[in-house]
Amino acid sequence: MNPRRLAALAALCGTVVLAGWVAAGLLDFGSPRIENTGASIEASRATSATAGAGPIGAPQAAMGEDGVSVTDVAIVGAALSVPRPIPRPDTPPVEVVSANTPDPVQGYTKEAVSSAETPDECLVAETCIDRYLWSVYQRAPKVDTIKVPKQIKVTVKKKGKTRTVIKTIIKLVDEDFTWKDPKAAEKAGMSLMDYVIGGMDRSFKLKLYHALRALDDAGLSPGVTSGFRDNYRQSLASGNRAATDSSYHGGSRRGGYGHGLAADLVSVKGETRAQRWSSSENLWKWIDAHGKEFGIGRPYLDKDPPHVGPIDGKEYADKRGRANAKLAELETKRRHGSAVSDDHSRAKRGRTASSKARSI
């Protein structure tokens, strides 16, 4: 190869190298990324593969007019025609989870928390209390066992003579009084909930609410069979009841609507009347043992077992206070009797000792 040909080939190769550097610099300017470096390496490999590629058994290259072979020119052209590396897209190829994408686990957790909210959550506490008391009222069947007096003719024999007399007996009868509260509410022009629950004293409702919650937690399944009663509703009551205007459930003598200070509580636990009665007895015993912690009690005990009122009210003080006073009086008499008996015993022992001394 003559010097002129070598010089031309060297100049041409320098141009190719310079063009490659310029292209690489433009592609990678300001973005020194690993992905582009790899693309440059791949491009270089492609260039080398293209430059070295050629059909097997190809004829010898012809010489040009300037002494440069046509094969050399083809190599340079192939190098220049190699496509530039594809620039890296703005979006990275690796999928990245956006911070705003909802996590399915977190979403499930939120739903679970939402479904576990207590049903009585609301903005107004009094509304919550009324709703809960209403739900406890609704769960209780309005059926009661009442004592009905009945007169019968009985034949008796006295002093050898037979005669017929009229005798009064007490018969236990199941009574369904579901219709009574709705009829009284209709007469008063109120909804049943506003009548039965709204007519009770606010402070008493709060005490009753906490006590019923505790009974529910204890598994005693409380139910309210009767809340507020006005004079008309009291006139529909049967069995052991106060005068029409004197009921602490809300009679006019006791303040009327909004001042009801009594409720009747039973247990709804059990499939039969006998089972519910047994559960109710357990509920009443629980009230006797723990009711004072919540400010409620049973004024009449077993004379009217479901009846509950505030322990700081007049009804409880009159009934239970009188009973406690009577018990205290009996205890005082018992102790006084014991003391008197001891005094008599000591005096008798003293007289016996004196007589023995005189006889000696």
Protein backbone atom coordinates (compact mmCIF):
# COMPACT_ATOMS: atom_id res chain seq x y z
CA MET A 1 0.00 0.00 0.00
CA ASN A 2 1.54 3.35 -1.08
CA PRO A 3 1.88 6.34 1.30
CA ARG A 4 -0.87 8.28 -0.43
CA ARG A 5 -3.35 5.47 0.14
CA LEU A 6 -2.34 5.13 3.82
CA ALA A 7 -2.81 8.83 4.44
CA ALA A 8 -6.27 8.83 2.84
CA LEU A 9 -7.34 5.79 4.82
CA ALA A 10 -6.07 7.28 8.11
CA ALA A 11 -7.92 10.53 7.47
CA LEU A 12 -11.11 8.69 6.69
CA CYS A 13 -10.85 6.48 9.81
CA GLY A 14 -10.25 9.57 12.00
CA THR A 15 -13.40 11.12 10.64
CA VAL A 16 -15.36 7.98 11.49
CA VAL A 17 -14.01 7.89 15.05
CA LEU A 18 -14.70 11.60 15.58
CA ALA A 19 -18.25 11.17 14.30
CA GLY A 20 -18.82 8.30 16.71
CA TRP A 21 -17.61 10.31 19.67
CA VAL A 22 -19.79 13.28 18.75
CA ALA A 23 -22.84 11.03 18.38
CA ALA A 24 -22.18 9.33 21.70
CA GLY A 25 -21.68 12.67 23.45
CA LEU A 26 -24.93 14.10 22.07
CA LEU A 27 -26.88 11.02 23.10
CA ASP A 28 -25.49 10.87 26.60
CA PHE A 29 -25.19 14.59 27.29
CA GLY A 30 -26.46 15.38 30.78
CA SER A 31 -27.67 11.77 31.29
CA PRO A 32 -24.80 9.58 32.49
CA ARG A 33 -27.02 6.48 32.84
CA ILE A 34 -26.09 2.87 32.97
CA GLU A 35 -28.73 2.02 30.40
CA ASN A 36 -27.16 4.42 27.80
CA THR A 37 -23.70 3.10 28.47
CA GLY A 38 -24.95 -0.39 27.77
CA ALA A 39 -26.61 0.87 24.59
CA SER A 40 -23.32 2.42 23.43
CA ILE A 41 -21.53 -0.84 24.08
CA GLU A 42 -24.16 -2.71 22.11
CA ALA A 43 -23.87 -0.17 19.30
CA SER A 44 -20.08 -0.63 19.24
CA ARG A 45 -20.57 -4.40 19.09
CA ALA A 46 -23.04 -3.97 16.27
CA THR A 47 -20.57 -1.74 14.42
CA SER A 48 -17.79 -4.28 14.80
CA ALA A 49 -20.09 -7.08 13.72
CA THR A 50 -21.19 -5.08 10.70
CA ALA A 51 -17.63 -4.12 9.79
CA GLY A 52 -16.39 -7.68 10.03
CA ALA A 53 -19.38 -9.20 8.33
CA GLY A 54 -19.17 -10.32 4.74
CA PRO A 55 -20.28 -13.19 2.64
CA ILE A 56 -17.99 -16.16 2.58
CA GLY A 57 -15.99 -16.36 -0.62
CA ALA A 58 -16.53 -12.70 -1.57
CA PRO A 59 -14.30 -11.41 -4.43
CA GLN A 60 -11.29 -9.16 -3.73
CA ALA A 61 -12.13 -5.51 -3.40
CA ALA A 62 -11.48 -3.25 -6.40
CA MET A 63 -9.19 -0.22 -6.16
CA GLY A 64 -10.53 3.30 -6.49
CA GLU A 65 -9.10 6.14 -8.49
CA ASP A 66 -7.43 7.64 -5.36
CA GLY A 67 -5.88 4.38 -4.34
CA VAL A 68 -8.46 3.60 -1.65
CA SER A 69 -10.15 0.26 -2.09
CA VAL A 70 -13.90 0.03 -2.50
CA THR A 71 -14.01 -2.42 0.45
CA ASP A 72 -12.49 0.19 2.77
CA VAL A 73 -15.04 2.76 1.67
CA ALA A 74 -17.82 0.23 2.29
CA ILE A 75 -16.59 -0.38 5.82
CA VAL A 76 -16.62 3.37 6.55
CA GLY A 77 -20.11 3.73 5.06
CA ALA A 78 -21.38 0.84 7.13
CA ALA A 79 -19.98 2.41 10.28
CA LEU A 80 -21.66 5.75 9.52
CA SER A 81 -24.97 4.06 8.66
CA VAL A 82 -25.23 2.27 12.02
CA PRO A 83 -28.41 3.62 13.74
CA ARG A 84 -27.86 5.74 16.81
CA PRO A 85 -28.73 4.15 20.14
CA ILE A 86 -32.40 4.69 21.05
CA PRO A 87 -32.56 7.33 23.81
CA ARG A 88 -33.92 6.20 27.13
CA PRO A 89 -37.63 7.05 27.56
CA ASP A 90 -38.72 9.48 30.25
CA THR A 91 -40.68 6.71 32.01
CA PRO A 92 -38.32 4.16 33.58
CA PRO A 93 -38.74 0.61 32.33
CA VAL A 94 -39.18 -0.71 35.85
CA GLU A 95 -42.80 -0.41 37.09
CA VAL A 96 -42.99 1.75 40.20
CA VAL A 97 -46.06 1.65 42.46
CA SER A 98 -47.44 5.13 42.96
CA ALA A 99 -47.88 6.39 46.49
CA ASN A 100 -51.49 7.22 45.64
CA THR A 101 -52.33 3.66 44.58
CA PRO A 102 -54.63 2.13 47.24
CA ASP A 103 -53.21 -0.79 49.12
CA PRO A 104 -55.77 -3.63 48.97
CA VAL A 105 -54.82 -4.73 52.48
CA GLN A 106 -55.26 -1.23 53.88
CA GLY A 107 -58.59 -0.89 52.13
CA TYR A 108 -59.79 -4.14 53.68
CA THR A 109 -58.64 -2.97 57.09
CA LYS A 110 -60.60 0.26 56.77
CA GLU A 111 -63.71 -1.63 55.76
CA ALA A 112 -63.31 -3.99 58.71
CA VAL A 113 -62.93 -1.09 61.14
CA SER A 114 -65.95 0.66 59.66
CA SER A 115 -68.11 -2.45 60.00
CA ALA A 116 -67.04 -2.86 63.64
CA GLU A 117 -68.31 0.56 64.73
CA THR A 118 -70.84 0.50 67.53
CA PRO A 119 -74.39 1.07 66.31
CA ASP A 120 -75.05 3.87 68.79
CA GLU A 121 -72.22 6.18 67.66
CA CYS A 122 -73.64 9.61 66.85
CA LEU A 123 -72.99 13.25 67.49
CA VAL A 124 -75.61 13.79 70.21
CA ALA A 125 -75.24 11.64 73.33
CA GLU A 126 -78.91 11.90 74.28
CA THR A 127 -79.91 10.60 70.85
CA CYS A 128 -77.57 7.62 71.29
CA ILE A 129 -79.09 6.83 74.68
CA ASP A 130 -82.65 7.07 73.37
CA ARG A 131 -81.86 4.79 70.42
CA TYR A 132 -80.27 2.16 72.63
CA LEU A 133 -83.13 2.23 75.14
CA TRP A 134 -85.58 1.97 72.25
CA SER A 135 -83.77 -1.10 70.90
CA VAL A 136 -83.92 -2.73 74.34
CA TYR A 137 -87.62 -1.89 74.55
CA GLN A 138 -88.28 -3.42 71.11
CA ARG A 139 -86.56 -6.70 71.96
CA ALA A 140 -88.80 -7.46 74.94
CA PRO A 141 -92.10 -9.30 74.35
CA LYS A 142 -95.00 -7.43 75.93
CA VAL A 143 -96.46 -10.41 77.77
CA ASP A 144 -97.00 -10.62 81.50
CA THR A 145 -98.48 -12.94 84.09
CA ILE A 146 -101.09 -11.13 86.10
CA LYS A 147 -103.14 -12.11 89.13
CA VAL A 148 -106.84 -12.10 88.40
CA PRO A 149 -109.26 -12.48 91.34
CA LYS A 150 -112.09 -14.88 90.72
CA GLN A 151 -115.08 -15.65 92.90
CA ILE A 152 -116.30 -19.20 93.17
CA LYS A 153 -118.96 -20.98 95.20
CA VAL A 154 -117.64 -23.44 97.72
CA THR A 155 -119.60 -25.84 99.94
CA VAL A 156 -118.35 -25.95 103.49
CA LYS A 157 -119.45 -27.83 106.57
CA LYS A 158 -119.37 -26.08 109.91
CA LYS A 159 -120.78 -27.34 113.24
CA GLY A 160 -122.41 -30.21 111.48
CA LYS A 161 -124.21 -27.97 109.01
CA THR A 162 -123.46 -27.67 105.32
CA ARG A 163 -123.68 -24.36 103.57
CA THR A 164 -122.45 -22.68 100.39
CA VAL A 165 -120.17 -19.66 100.58
CA ILE A 166 -118.49 -17.44 97.98
CA LYS A 167 -114.72 -17.61 98.04
CA THR A 168 -112.26 -15.43 96.18
CA ILE A 169 -109.29 -17.11 94.58
CA ILE A 170 -106.37 -15.69 92.62
CA LYS A 171 -105.80 -17.04 89.15
CA LEU A 172 -102.56 -16.47 87.19
CA VAL A 173 -103.30 -15.37 83.62
CA ASP A 174 -100.96 -14.55 80.74
CA GLU A 175 -101.75 -11.12 79.34
CA ASP A 176 -100.55 -9.67 76.04
CA PHE A 177 -100.30 -5.91 76.49
CA THR A 178 -98.52 -5.12 73.19
CA TRP A 179 -101.40 -2.86 72.17
CA LYS A 180 -101.40 -0.62 75.25
CA ASP A 181 -98.36 1.61 74.63
CA PRO A 182 -99.22 2.19 70.93
CA LYS A 183 -102.78 3.13 71.88
CA ALA A 184 -101.53 5.59 74.52
CA ALA A 185 -98.96 7.08 72.11
CA GLU A 186 -101.64 7.51 69.45
CA LYS A 187 -103.89 9.25 71.94
CA ALA A 188 -101.00 11.58 72.90
CA GLY A 189 -100.24 12.28 69.21
CA MET A 190 -96.65 10.96 69.40
CA SER A 191 -94.57 8.26 67.84
CA LEU A 192 -94.17 5.20 70.03
CA MET A 193 -90.45 5.87 70.60
CA ASP A 194 -91.03 9.51 71.59
CA TYR A 195 -93.77 8.42 73.95
CA VAL A 196 -92.13 5.44 75.70
CA ILE A 197 -88.50 6.64 75.78
CA GLY A 198 -88.83 10.41 75.42
CA GLY A 199 -91.20 10.63 78.38
CA MET A 200 -88.59 9.39 80.86
CA ASP A 201 -86.49 11.70 83.00
CA ARG A 202 -83.13 12.51 81.33
CA SER A 203 -80.97 11.75 84.36
CA PHE A 204 -82.80 8.47 84.94
CA LYS A 205 -82.34 7.50 81.27
CA LEU A 206 -78.59 7.98 81.63
CA LYS A 207 -78.45 5.74 84.71
CA LEU A 208 -80.66 3.16 83.04
CA TYR A 209 -78.50 3.25 79.91
CA HIS A 210 -75.29 2.39 81.78
CA ALA A 211 -77.00 -0.32 83.83
CA LEU A 212 -78.52 -1.97 80.74
CA ARG A 213 -75.16 -1.85 78.97
CA ALA A 214 -73.59 -3.65 81.92
CA LEU A 215 -76.41 -6.22 81.92
CA ASP A 216 -75.84 -6.79 78.21
CA ASP A 217 -72.10 -7.26 78.83
CA ALA A 218 -72.92 -9.74 81.60
CA GLY A 219 -74.91 -11.82 79.10
CA LEU A 220 -78.26 -11.29 80.83
CA SER A 221 -80.05 -9.91 77.71
CA PRO A 222 -82.16 -7.18 79.33
CA GLY A 223 -85.43 -5.97 77.86
CA VAL A 224 -87.71 -3.06 78.78
CA THR A 225 -91.38 -3.96 78.90
CA SER A 226 -92.60 -0.56 80.06
CA GLY A 227 -91.14 2.94 80.09
CA PHE A 228 -93.11 6.17 80.36
CA ARG A 229 -96.81 5.99 81.21
CA ASP A 230 -99.21 8.88 81.38
CA ASN A 231 -102.53 8.80 83.24
CA TYR A 232 -104.35 7.20 80.34
CA ARG A 233 -101.74 4.46 79.92
CA GLN A 234 -101.78 3.80 83.66
CA SER A 235 -105.55 3.38 83.52
CA LEU A 236 -104.98 0.51 81.04
CA ALA A 237 -102.56 -1.25 83.38
CA SER A 238 -103.70 -4.31 85.25
CA GLY A 239 -102.51 -6.32 88.20
CA ASN A 240 -100.43 -4.70 90.93
CA ARG A 241 -100.45 -1.03 89.96
CA ALA A 242 -100.54 2.47 91.40
CA ALA A 243 -103.42 4.91 91.07
CA THR A 244 -104.01 6.42 87.64
CA ASP A 245 -102.27 9.74 88.38
CA SER A 246 -99.70 8.43 90.87
CA SER A 247 -97.47 6.14 88.83
CA TYR A 248 -93.77 6.91 89.01
CA HIS A 249 -93.67 5.89 85.35
CA GLY A 250 -94.97 9.40 84.62
CA GLY A 251 -98.31 10.09 86.27
CA SER A 252 -99.48 13.69 86.52
CA ARG A 253 -98.80 13.73 90.29
CA ARG A 254 -95.18 12.77 89.57
CA GLY A 255 -94.53 15.44 86.94
CA GLY A 256 -95.98 13.93 83.77
CA TYR A 257 -94.18 13.70 80.42
CA GLY A 258 -90.41 14.04 80.63
CA HIS A 259 -90.37 13.10 84.31
CA GLY A 260 -90.91 9.34 84.23
CA LEU A 261 -88.76 7.75 86.93
CA ALA A 262 -89.50 4.05 86.47
CA ALA A 263 -89.05 1.24 83.98
CA ASP A 264 -89.92 -2.44 84.03
CA LEU A 265 -86.97 -4.73 83.21
CA VAL A 266 -86.95 -8.42 82.32
CA SER A 267 -84.60 -10.80 80.54
CA VAL A 268 -85.36 -11.95 77.00
CA LYS A 269 -82.89 -14.83 77.25
CA GLY A 270 -84.58 -18.19 76.71
CA GLU A 271 -86.86 -19.97 74.27
CA THR A 272 -89.78 -20.54 76.64
CA ARG A 273 -91.61 -18.46 79.24
CA ALA A 274 -90.11 -20.62 82.01
CA GLN A 275 -86.58 -20.07 80.72
CA ARG A 276 -87.11 -16.32 80.37
CA TRP A 277 -88.55 -16.17 83.87
CA SER A 278 -85.50 -17.92 85.27
CA SER A 279 -83.23 -15.53 83.34
CA SER A 280 -85.27 -12.58 84.64
CA GLU A 281 -84.78 -13.73 88.22
CA ASN A 282 -81.02 -13.77 87.62
CA LEU A 283 -81.29 -10.28 86.13
CA TRP A 284 -83.16 -8.95 89.17
CA LYS A 285 -80.60 -10.49 91.50
CA TRP A 286 -77.86 -8.77 89.51
CA ILE A 287 -79.67 -5.44 89.91
CA ASP A 288 -79.95 -6.00 93.68
CA ALA A 289 -76.21 -6.73 93.84
CA HIS A 290 -74.85 -4.12 91.38
CA GLY A 291 -77.66 -1.65 90.67
CA LYS A 292 -76.44 0.92 93.18
CA GLU A 293 -73.21 1.24 91.21
CA PHE A 294 -75.32 2.76 88.43
CA GLY A 295 -77.84 4.57 90.63
CA ILE A 296 -80.82 2.26 90.14
CA GLY A 297 -82.66 -0.24 92.32
CA ARG A 298 -85.88 -2.25 92.78
CA PRO A 299 -88.11 -0.42 95.28
CA TYR A 300 -90.62 -3.24 95.76
CA LEU A 301 -88.32 -6.26 95.43
CA ASP A 302 -90.42 -9.40 94.85
CA LYS A 303 -93.77 -7.60 95.23
CA ASP A 304 -93.14 -6.04 91.81
CA PRO A 305 -89.83 -7.55 90.65
CA PRO A 306 -89.43 -5.87 87.22
CA HIS A 307 -90.03 -2.33 88.54
CA VAL A 308 -86.79 -0.29 88.64
CA GLY A 309 -86.22 3.33 89.65
CA PRO A 310 -83.41 5.70 90.70
CA ILE A 311 -82.12 5.06 94.21
CA ASP A 312 -81.98 8.80 94.87
CA GLY A 313 -85.68 9.17 94.05
CA LYS A 314 -88.63 9.51 96.41
CA GLU A 315 -90.15 6.15 95.49
CA TYR A 316 -87.04 4.16 96.38
CA ALA A 317 -86.51 6.15 99.57
CA ASP A 318 -90.13 5.65 100.67
CA LYS A 319 -90.22 1.93 99.97
CA ARG A 320 -86.73 0.71 100.62
CA GLY A 321 -85.97 3.35 103.20
CA ARG A 322 -89.03 2.26 105.17
CA ALA A 323 -88.04 -1.36 104.81
CA ASN A 324 -84.49 -0.60 105.94
CA ALA A 325 -85.84 1.38 108.89
CA LYS A 326 -88.08 -1.53 109.84
CA LEU A 327 -85.16 -3.95 109.64
CA ALA A 328 -83.09 -1.61 111.76
CA GLU A 329 -85.94 -1.41 114.28
CA LEU A 330 -86.22 -5.19 114.43
CA GLU A 331 -82.47 -5.46 114.88
CA THR A 332 -82.58 -2.89 117.68
CA LYS A 333 -85.37 -4.77 119.42
CA ARG A 334 -83.49 -8.01 119.06
CA ARG A 335 -80.38 -6.53 120.58
CA HIS A 336 -82.40 -4.83 123.33
CA GLY A 337 -84.19 -8.10 124.06
CA SER A 338 -80.86 -9.88 124.31
CA ALA A 339 -79.52 -7.23 126.66
CA VAL A 340 -82.63 -7.42 128.89
CA SER A 341 -82.41 -11.19 128.91
CA ASP A 342 -78.77 -11.00 129.96
CA ASP A 343 -79.68 -8.55 132.75
CA HIS A 344 -82.40 -10.90 134.02
CA SER A 345 -79.96 -13.81 133.90
CA ARG A 346 -77.37 -11.90 135.87
CA ALA A 347 -79.97 -10.76 138.40
CA LYS A 348 -81.28 -14.28 138.80
CA ARG A 349 -77.77 -15.60 139.31
CA GLY A 350 -77.20 -12.88 141.91
CA ARG A 351 -80.37 -13.75 143.84
CA THR A 352 -79.49 -17.44 143.78
CA ALA A 353 -76.04 -16.74 145.16
CA SER A 354 -77.48 -14.55 147.96
CA SER A 355 -79.97 -17.21 149.06
CA LYS A 356 -77.23 -19.80 149.15
CA ALA A 357 -75.10 -17.52 151.31
CA ARG A 358 -77.94 -16.98 153.80
CA SER A 359 -78.61 -20.70 154.04
CA ILE A 360 -75.00 -21.30 154.92
